[in-house]
Amino acid sequence: MSIHTVNLNEAEGHLAELAELAAQGKDVQVALGNGRVMKLVIESAQKIQRVVGLHEGQGWMSDDFNDPLDSLFGLGDKP
């Protein structure tokens, strides 16, 4: 993957072009100085619909889940 790095002065006035590169999946970075870098990331505006109870009954928890950990882990009270 190619990384496109420009300094802040170069980025001024070219935001649309840099955003297009990021939208194409290119790694776009703007050097802010003092070793700091800003990365342009394109995120989808579409929100994922969450469904409550979609996977109900598909997970489980052991009966001793809340019991203290044994000495194997160096924690808890079990011998």
N, C-alpha and C. Protein backbone atom coordinates (compact mmCIF):
# COMPACT_ATOMS: atom_id res chain seq x y z
N MET A 1 0.84 -1.17 0.00
CA MET A 1 0.00 0.00 0.00
C MET A 1 0.89 1.24 0.00
N SER A 2 0.60 2.16 -0.89
CA SER A 2 1.40 3.37 -0.92
C SER A 2 0.85 4.39 0.07
N ILE A 3 1.75 5.10 0.69
CA ILE A 3 1.37 6.12 1.66
C ILE A 3 1.63 7.49 1.04
N HIS A 4 0.62 8.31 1.03
CA HIS A 4 0.74 9.67 0.52
C HIS A 4 0.88 10.59 1.73
N THR A 5 2.05 11.20 1.89
CA THR A 5 2.28 12.10 3.01
C THR A 5 2.58 13.48 2.48
N VAL A 6 1.85 14.46 2.98
CA VAL A 6 2.08 15.86 2.62
C VAL A 6 2.17 16.65 3.91
N ASN A 7 2.84 17.81 3.87
CA ASN A 7 2.86 18.64 5.07
C ASN A 7 1.60 19.51 5.07
N LEU A 8 1.36 20.16 6.17
CA LEU A 8 0.13 20.92 6.35
C LEU A 8 0.00 22.03 5.30
N ASN A 9 1.09 22.69 4.97
CA ASN A 9 1.04 23.75 3.97
C ASN A 9 0.67 23.20 2.59
N GLU A 10 1.19 22.03 2.24
CA GLU A 10 0.86 21.41 0.96
C GLU A 10 -0.60 20.95 0.93
N ALA A 11 -1.13 20.54 2.08
CA ALA A 11 -2.50 20.04 2.15
C ALA A 11 -3.53 21.16 2.01
N GLU A 12 -3.13 22.38 2.40
CA GLU A 12 -4.05 23.51 2.31
C GLU A 12 -4.52 23.69 0.88
N GLY A 13 -5.79 23.75 0.68
CA GLY A 13 -6.34 23.95 -0.64
C GLY A 13 -6.46 22.69 -1.47
N HIS A 14 -6.03 21.54 -0.93
CA HIS A 14 -6.07 20.29 -1.67
C HIS A 14 -6.85 19.21 -0.92
N LEU A 15 -7.71 19.63 -0.01
CA LEU A 15 -8.43 18.67 0.82
C LEU A 15 -9.31 17.75 -0.02
N ALA A 16 -9.96 18.29 -1.02
CA ALA A 16 -10.83 17.45 -1.87
C ALA A 16 -10.02 16.36 -2.56
N GLU A 17 -8.84 16.69 -3.07
CA GLU A 17 -7.99 15.70 -3.74
C GLU A 17 -7.50 14.65 -2.75
N LEU A 18 -7.10 15.09 -1.57
CA LEU A 18 -6.61 14.16 -0.55
C LEU A 18 -7.75 13.25 -0.07
N ALA A 19 -8.95 13.81 0.07
CA ALA A 19 -10.10 13.00 0.48
C ALA A 19 -10.43 11.95 -0.58
N GLU A 20 -10.29 12.31 -1.84
CA GLU A 20 -10.55 11.35 -2.93
C GLU A 20 -9.54 10.20 -2.88
N LEU A 21 -8.28 10.51 -2.61
CA LEU A 21 -7.27 9.46 -2.47
C LEU A 21 -7.63 8.52 -1.32
N ALA A 22 -8.05 9.10 -0.19
CA ALA A 22 -8.45 8.28 0.97
C ALA A 22 -9.66 7.43 0.63
N ALA A 23 -10.60 7.98 -0.14
CA ALA A 23 -11.80 7.23 -0.53
C ALA A 23 -11.44 6.06 -1.44
N GLN A 24 -10.33 6.18 -2.17
CA GLN A 24 -9.87 5.10 -3.04
C GLN A 24 -9.10 4.03 -2.27
N GLY A 25 -8.99 4.23 -0.95
CA GLY A 25 -8.31 3.25 -0.12
C GLY A 25 -6.83 3.53 0.08
N LYS A 26 -6.38 4.67 -0.40
CA LYS A 26 -4.97 5.04 -0.22
C LYS A 26 -4.76 5.56 1.21
N ASP A 27 -3.57 5.37 1.73
CA ASP A 27 -3.21 5.86 3.06
C ASP A 27 -2.72 7.29 2.90
N VAL A 28 -3.50 8.26 3.44
CA VAL A 28 -3.17 9.67 3.29
C VAL A 28 -2.85 10.25 4.65
N GLN A 29 -1.66 10.86 4.76
CA GLN A 29 -1.22 11.44 6.02
C GLN A 29 -0.81 12.88 5.79
N VAL A 30 -1.11 13.72 6.80
CA VAL A 30 -0.69 15.11 6.78
C VAL A 30 0.26 15.31 7.95
N ALA A 31 1.50 15.69 7.64
CA ALA A 31 2.50 15.92 8.68
C ALA A 31 2.22 17.28 9.32
N LEU A 32 2.00 17.28 10.64
CA LEU A 32 1.66 18.50 11.35
C LEU A 32 2.88 19.16 11.97
N GLY A 33 4.01 18.48 11.99
CA GLY A 33 5.21 19.00 12.63
C GLY A 33 5.41 18.36 13.99
N ASN A 34 6.63 18.48 14.50
CA ASN A 34 7.00 17.90 15.80
C ASN A 34 6.70 16.41 15.86
N GLY A 35 6.79 15.72 14.71
CA GLY A 35 6.57 14.28 14.68
C GLY A 35 5.11 13.86 14.69
N ARG A 36 4.19 14.82 14.69
CA ARG A 36 2.77 14.50 14.71
C ARG A 36 2.25 14.34 13.28
N VAL A 37 1.36 13.37 13.10
CA VAL A 37 0.79 13.09 11.78
C VAL A 37 -0.71 12.92 11.93
N MET A 38 -1.44 13.51 10.99
CA MET A 38 -2.89 13.34 10.94
C MET A 38 -3.18 12.40 9.78
N LYS A 39 -4.04 11.40 10.02
CA LYS A 39 -4.38 10.44 8.98
C LYS A 39 -5.80 10.70 8.51
N LEU A 40 -6.00 10.77 7.21
CA LEU A 40 -7.34 10.95 6.66
C LEU A 40 -8.00 9.59 6.50
N VAL A 41 -9.19 9.45 7.07
CA VAL A 41 -9.91 8.18 7.04
C VAL A 41 -11.33 8.44 6.56
N ILE A 42 -11.78 7.66 5.61
CA ILE A 42 -13.15 7.76 5.12
C ILE A 42 -13.99 6.71 5.84
N GLU A 43 -15.06 7.15 6.47
CA GLU A 43 -15.97 6.23 7.15
C GLU A 43 -17.33 6.30 6.48
N SER A 44 -18.01 5.20 6.50
CA SER A 44 -19.34 5.14 5.92
C SER A 44 -20.32 5.92 6.79
N ALA A 45 -21.18 6.71 6.16
CA ALA A 45 -22.19 7.46 6.89
C ALA A 45 -23.37 6.56 7.26
N GLN A 46 -23.43 5.38 6.65
CA GLN A 46 -24.52 4.46 6.91
C GLN A 46 -24.33 3.81 8.28
N LYS A 47 -25.34 3.91 9.11
CA LYS A 47 -25.29 3.31 10.43
C LYS A 47 -25.78 1.87 10.34
N ILE A 48 -25.14 1.00 11.09
CA ILE A 48 -25.54 -0.41 11.13
C ILE A 48 -26.68 -0.56 12.13
N GLN A 49 -27.74 -1.15 11.69
CA GLN A 49 -28.89 -1.38 12.56
C GLN A 49 -28.57 -2.53 13.51
N ARG A 50 -28.63 -2.28 14.79
CA ARG A 50 -28.41 -3.34 15.78
C ARG A 50 -29.75 -3.95 16.17
N VAL A 51 -29.76 -5.26 16.30
CA VAL A 51 -30.99 -5.97 16.64
C VAL A 51 -30.81 -6.63 17.99
N VAL A 52 -31.63 -6.21 18.95
CA VAL A 52 -31.57 -6.76 20.30
C VAL A 52 -32.04 -8.21 20.27
N GLY A 53 -31.29 -9.11 20.89
CA GLY A 53 -31.68 -10.50 20.99
C GLY A 53 -31.43 -11.32 19.74
N LEU A 54 -30.68 -10.79 18.80
CA LEU A 54 -30.44 -11.49 17.54
C LEU A 54 -29.77 -12.85 17.76
N HIS A 55 -28.85 -12.93 18.72
CA HIS A 55 -28.13 -14.18 18.97
C HIS A 55 -28.49 -14.77 20.33
N GLU A 56 -29.68 -14.49 20.80
CA GLU A 56 -30.12 -14.97 22.10
C GLU A 56 -30.05 -16.50 22.18
N GLY A 57 -29.47 -17.00 23.28
CA GLY A 57 -29.38 -18.43 23.49
C GLY A 57 -28.18 -19.09 22.82
N GLN A 58 -27.37 -18.34 22.10
CA GLN A 58 -26.23 -18.92 21.39
C GLN A 58 -24.94 -18.86 22.19
N GLY A 59 -24.94 -18.12 23.28
CA GLY A 59 -23.75 -18.04 24.12
C GLY A 59 -24.02 -18.71 25.46
N TRP A 60 -22.97 -18.96 26.22
CA TRP A 60 -23.13 -19.56 27.53
C TRP A 60 -22.04 -19.07 28.45
N MET A 61 -22.29 -19.20 29.74
CA MET A 61 -21.31 -18.82 30.75
C MET A 61 -21.24 -19.97 31.75
N SER A 62 -20.04 -20.38 32.11
CA SER A 62 -19.90 -21.51 33.03
C SER A 62 -20.47 -21.16 34.40
N ASP A 63 -20.88 -22.19 35.13
CA ASP A 63 -21.47 -21.99 36.45
C ASP A 63 -20.49 -21.36 37.44
N ASP A 64 -19.18 -21.59 37.24
CA ASP A 64 -18.18 -21.05 38.17
C ASP A 64 -17.54 -19.76 37.65
N PHE A 65 -18.22 -19.07 36.77
CA PHE A 65 -17.65 -17.85 36.17
C PHE A 65 -17.20 -16.84 37.21
N ASN A 66 -18.00 -16.63 38.25
CA ASN A 66 -17.68 -15.61 39.26
C ASN A 66 -16.84 -16.15 40.41
N ASP A 67 -16.49 -17.42 40.39
CA ASP A 67 -15.65 -17.98 41.45
C ASP A 67 -14.24 -17.40 41.36
N PRO A 68 -13.53 -17.33 42.48
CA PRO A 68 -12.15 -16.83 42.46
C PRO A 68 -11.27 -17.70 41.56
N LEU A 69 -10.27 -17.10 40.96
CA LEU A 69 -9.33 -17.85 40.14
C LEU A 69 -8.41 -18.68 41.03
N ASP A 70 -7.93 -19.79 40.53
CA ASP A 70 -7.05 -20.63 41.33
C ASP A 70 -5.62 -20.09 41.30
N SER A 71 -4.76 -20.71 42.08
CA SER A 71 -3.39 -20.24 42.23
C SER A 71 -2.58 -20.34 40.94
N LEU A 72 -3.08 -21.07 39.96
CA LEU A 72 -2.40 -21.17 38.68
C LEU A 72 -2.23 -19.79 38.06
N PHE A 73 -3.19 -18.93 38.31
CA PHE A 73 -3.16 -17.57 37.77
C PHE A 73 -2.51 -16.59 38.74
N GLY A 74 -2.18 -17.05 39.94
CA GLY A 74 -1.56 -16.17 40.93
C GLY A 74 -2.57 -15.25 41.58
N LEU A 75 -3.84 -15.55 41.43
CA LEU A 75 -4.90 -14.72 42.02
C LEU A 75 -5.90 -15.63 42.71
N GLY A 76 -6.73 -15.08 43.51
CA GLY A 76 -7.84 -15.82 44.10
C GLY A 76 -7.45 -16.64 45.31
N ASP A 77 -8.44 -17.36 45.82
CA ASP A 77 -8.27 -18.10 47.06
C ASP A 77 -8.18 -19.60 46.87
N LYS A 78 -8.48 -20.12 45.68
CA LYS A 78 -8.47 -21.57 45.51
C LYS A 78 -7.03 -22.09 45.55
N PRO A 79 -6.82 -23.28 46.15
CA PRO A 79 -5.47 -23.84 46.23
C PRO A 79 -5.00 -24.34 44.89
